[in-house]
Amino acid sequence: MNGEKDPLHGVKLAEILEFLVDYYGWEELGNRIRINCFNSNPSIKSSLKFLRKTPWAREQVEALYVSKAKYK
């Protein structure tokens, strides 16, 4: 996929997560993506660690980011 067409090109996972936490807050983010790291004592650090090891969860986070960040 061409870098100009890929909305995730050049965007770090930490930036994606910070955007979503700012946009939704932890509680709503945990409602939208049902993973424990968003619902039980959430932090950027613990969430990044989990998302880097869990492809299906990372895909959900990236998809939510793409749906909201296109008008950023």
C-alpha atoms as a PDB file:
ATOM      1  CA  MET A   1       0.000   0.000   0.000  1.00  0.00           C
ATOM      2  CA  ASN A   2       1.261   3.462  -0.887  1.00  0.00           C
ATOM      3  CA  GLY A   3       2.342   5.549   2.127  1.00  0.00           C
ATOM      4  CA  GLU A   4       0.187   8.456   0.969  1.00  0.00           C
ATOM      5  CA  LYS A   5      -2.918   6.241   1.007  1.00  0.00           C
ATOM      6  CA  ASP A   6      -2.226   4.455   4.285  1.00  0.00           C
ATOM      7  CA  PRO A   7      -3.708   6.534   7.132  1.00  0.00           C
ATOM      8  CA  LEU A   8      -1.410   4.770   9.610  1.00  0.00           C
ATOM      9  CA  HIS A   9       1.785   5.547   7.687  1.00  0.00           C
ATOM     10  CA  GLY A  10       4.236   7.295   9.995  1.00  0.00           C
ATOM     11  CA  VAL A  11       1.904   7.183  13.004  1.00  0.00           C
ATOM     12  CA  LYS A  12       3.268   5.482  16.112  1.00  0.00           C
ATOM     13  CA  LEU A  13       1.126   3.189  18.216  1.00  0.00           C
ATOM     14  CA  ALA A  14       1.669   5.490  21.214  1.00  0.00           C
ATOM     15  CA  GLU A  15       0.277   8.441  19.214  1.00  0.00           C
ATOM     16  CA  ILE A  16      -2.767   6.390  18.215  1.00  0.00           C
ATOM     17  CA  LEU A  17      -3.449   5.354  21.793  1.00  0.00           C
ATOM     18  CA  GLU A  18      -2.958   8.875  23.174  1.00  0.00           C
ATOM     19  CA  PHE A  19      -5.343  10.287  20.548  1.00  0.00           C
ATOM     20  CA  LEU A  20      -8.018   7.713  21.431  1.00  0.00           C
ATOM     21  CA  VAL A  21      -7.651   8.250  25.184  1.00  0.00           C
ATOM     22  CA  ASP A  22      -7.945  12.020  24.675  1.00  0.00           C
ATOM     23  CA  TYR A  23     -10.932  11.556  22.365  1.00  0.00           C
ATOM     24  CA  TYR A  24     -12.887   8.945  24.349  1.00  0.00           C
ATOM     25  CA  GLY A  25     -11.298   8.614  27.778  1.00  0.00           C
ATOM     26  CA  TRP A  26     -10.372   5.221  29.219  1.00  0.00           C
ATOM     27  CA  GLU A  27     -13.913   4.222  30.213  1.00  0.00           C
ATOM     28  CA  GLU A  28     -15.476   4.760  26.791  1.00  0.00           C
ATOM     29  CA  LEU A  29     -12.440   3.298  25.032  1.00  0.00           C
ATOM     30  CA  GLY A  30     -12.851   0.193  27.198  1.00  0.00           C
ATOM     31  CA  ASN A  31     -16.535   0.024  26.236  1.00  0.00           C
ATOM     32  CA  ARG A  32     -15.712   0.228  22.537  1.00  0.00           C
ATOM     33  CA  ILE A  33     -12.775  -2.203  22.614  1.00  0.00           C
ATOM     34  CA  ARG A  34     -13.288  -4.828  25.302  1.00  0.00           C
ATOM     35  CA  ILE A  35      -9.792  -5.559  26.546  1.00  0.00           C
ATOM     36  CA  ASN A  36      -8.685  -5.609  30.174  1.00  0.00           C
ATOM     37  CA  CYS A  37      -5.839  -3.147  29.752  1.00  0.00           C
ATOM     38  CA  PHE A  38      -8.447  -0.453  28.987  1.00  0.00           C
ATOM     39  CA  ASN A  39     -10.829  -1.448  31.778  1.00  0.00           C
ATOM     40  CA  SER A  40      -8.666  -2.539  34.692  1.00  0.00           C
ATOM     41  CA  ASN A  41      -6.215   0.083  36.010  1.00  0.00           C
ATOM     42  CA  PRO A  42      -5.467   1.473  32.521  1.00  0.00           C
ATOM     43  CA  SER A  43      -2.263   3.244  31.565  1.00  0.00           C
ATOM     44  CA  ILE A  44      -0.574   4.121  28.302  1.00  0.00           C
ATOM     45  CA  LYS A  45       2.470   2.006  29.194  1.00  0.00           C
ATOM     46  CA  SER A  46       0.562  -1.193  30.069  1.00  0.00           C
ATOM     47  CA  SER A  47      -1.764  -0.787  27.090  1.00  0.00           C
ATOM     48  CA  LEU A  48       1.122  -0.331  24.656  1.00  0.00           C
ATOM     49  CA  LYS A  49       2.824  -3.435  26.029  1.00  0.00           C
ATOM     50  CA  PHE A  50      -0.344  -5.489  25.511  1.00  0.00           C
ATOM     51  CA  LEU A  51      -1.161  -4.059  22.074  1.00  0.00           C
ATOM     52  CA  ARG A  52       2.355  -4.709  20.763  1.00  0.00           C
ATOM     53  CA  LYS A  53       1.987  -8.404  21.664  1.00  0.00           C
ATOM     54  CA  THR A  54      -1.648  -8.859  20.591  1.00  0.00           C
ATOM     55  CA  PRO A  55      -2.298  -8.331  16.871  1.00  0.00           C
ATOM     56  CA  TRP A  56      -6.111  -8.657  16.996  1.00  0.00           C
ATOM     57  CA  ALA A  57      -6.358  -5.968  19.703  1.00  0.00           C
ATOM     58  CA  ARG A  58      -3.954  -3.671  17.875  1.00  0.00           C
ATOM     59  CA  GLU A  59      -6.022  -4.029  14.700  1.00  0.00           C
ATOM     60  CA  GLN A  60      -9.155  -2.942  16.575  1.00  0.00           C
ATOM     61  CA  VAL A  61      -7.372   0.070  18.060  1.00  0.00           C
ATOM     62  CA  GLU A  62      -5.956   1.069  14.662  1.00  0.00           C
ATOM     63  CA  ALA A  63      -9.365   0.694  12.984  1.00  0.00           C
ATOM     64  CA  LEU A  64     -11.012   2.909  15.600  1.00  0.00           C
ATOM     65  CA  TYR A  65      -8.246   5.485  15.171  1.00  0.00           C
ATOM     66  CA  VAL A  66      -8.633   5.517  11.379  1.00  0.00           C
ATOM     67  CA  SER A  67     -12.405   6.008  11.702  1.00  0.00           C
ATOM     68  CA  LYS A  68     -11.945   9.036  14.003  1.00  0.00           C
ATOM     69  CA  ALA A  69      -8.631  10.599  12.985  1.00  0.00           C
ATOM     70  CA  LYS A  70      -9.440  11.210   9.330  1.00  0.00           C
ATOM     71  CA  TYR A  71     -10.929  14.569  10.333  1.00  0.00           C
ATOM     72  CA  LYS A  72      -8.231  15.356  12.877  1.00  0.00           C
END
